[in-house]
Protein backbone atom coordinates (compact mmCIF):
# COMPACT_ATOMS: atom_id res chain seq x y z
CA MET A 1 -1.62 -2.17 17.14
CA THR A 2 -4.42 -0.13 16.86
CA GLN A 3 -6.00 1.04 13.50
CA HIS A 4 -4.74 4.33 13.81
CA GLN A 5 -1.34 3.31 14.23
CA LEU A 6 -1.79 0.77 11.16
CA ASP A 7 -3.12 4.00 9.03
CA ARG A 8 -0.11 5.93 10.05
CA LEU A 9 2.45 3.50 9.23
CA VAL A 10 0.61 2.40 6.06
CA ALA A 11 0.50 6.28 4.95
CA GLN A 12 4.18 6.63 5.83
CA ALA A 13 5.30 3.49 3.80
CA THR A 14 3.19 4.36 0.58
CA GLY A 15 3.44 8.03 0.95
CA GLU A 16 -0.37 8.81 0.81
CA ASP A 17 -1.91 11.25 2.69
CA ILE A 18 -3.47 9.40 5.66
CA ARG A 19 -7.18 10.21 4.75
CA GLU A 20 -6.79 8.67 1.53
CA ILE A 21 -5.58 5.45 3.70
CA LYS A 22 -8.30 5.28 6.07
CA HIS A 23 -10.75 5.94 2.53
CA LEU A 24 -9.23 2.41 1.24
CA GLY A 25 -10.22 0.79 4.93
CA PHE A 26 -6.71 -1.28 5.54
CA SER A 27 -7.58 -3.20 8.72
CA LEU A 28 -5.92 -5.81 11.08
CA ALA A 29 -6.66 -9.43 10.54
CA ASP A 30 -6.74 -11.99 12.95
CA PRO A 31 -4.41 -15.06 12.02
CA MET A 32 -6.57 -17.57 13.47
CA GLU A 33 -9.49 -16.61 11.41
CA ILE A 34 -8.59 -18.01 8.02
CA ASP A 35 -11.72 -17.14 6.01
CA PHE A 36 -11.58 -13.41 6.56
CA ASP A 37 -13.21 -11.33 3.90
CA PRO A 38 -14.30 -7.97 4.94
CA GLU A 39 -15.30 -7.24 1.42
CA PRO A 40 -18.56 -8.41 -0.37
CA ASP A 41 -18.18 -10.57 -3.30
CA ASP A 42 -20.49 -7.80 -5.68
CA PHE A 43 -17.74 -5.13 -5.88
CA PRO A 44 -14.80 -4.57 -7.99
CA VAL A 45 -12.04 -5.87 -6.50
CA ARG A 46 -8.99 -2.81 -6.38
CA LEU A 47 -5.52 -3.81 -6.40
CA LEU A 48 -2.06 -1.99 -5.83
CA ASP A 49 0.82 -3.25 -7.80
CA TRP A 50 3.35 -2.21 -4.79
CA ASP A 51 6.55 -2.58 -7.81
CA ASN A 52 4.85 -0.34 -9.98
CA VAL A 53 4.50 2.06 -6.99
CA GLY A 54 8.17 1.88 -6.03
CA LEU A 55 9.09 1.96 -10.00
CA GLU A 56 7.16 5.61 -10.26
CA ARG A 57 8.36 6.97 -7.25
CA MET A 58 12.34 6.25 -7.93
CA ILE A 59 13.61 9.46 -9.48
CA ALA A 60 17.46 9.71 -10.25
CA VAL A 61 18.94 12.61 -8.70
CA VAL A 62 21.86 12.41 -10.77
CA GLU A 63 21.67 10.43 -14.54
CA GLN A 64 22.97 7.40 -14.86
CA PRO A 65 25.03 6.16 -17.96
CA SER A 66 23.51 3.31 -19.42
CA ASN A 67 26.55 1.09 -20.55
CA VAL A 68 28.11 0.83 -17.07
CA ARG A 69 29.50 -2.75 -16.90
């Protein structure tokens, strides 16, 4: 997989613009390198909670009754 393919797939999965994905710096990790950490320790950690992203994007087309059993 190339870097462009990775960026494109992440952009498709998240709905973000591919330029934003490139800016965030996703990269392929080598599974044989167990101590891989491309980020210096002095930068703040940027975390993305995929559950919250999914909840924010879920929009009901039809209002569902809350008392369905």
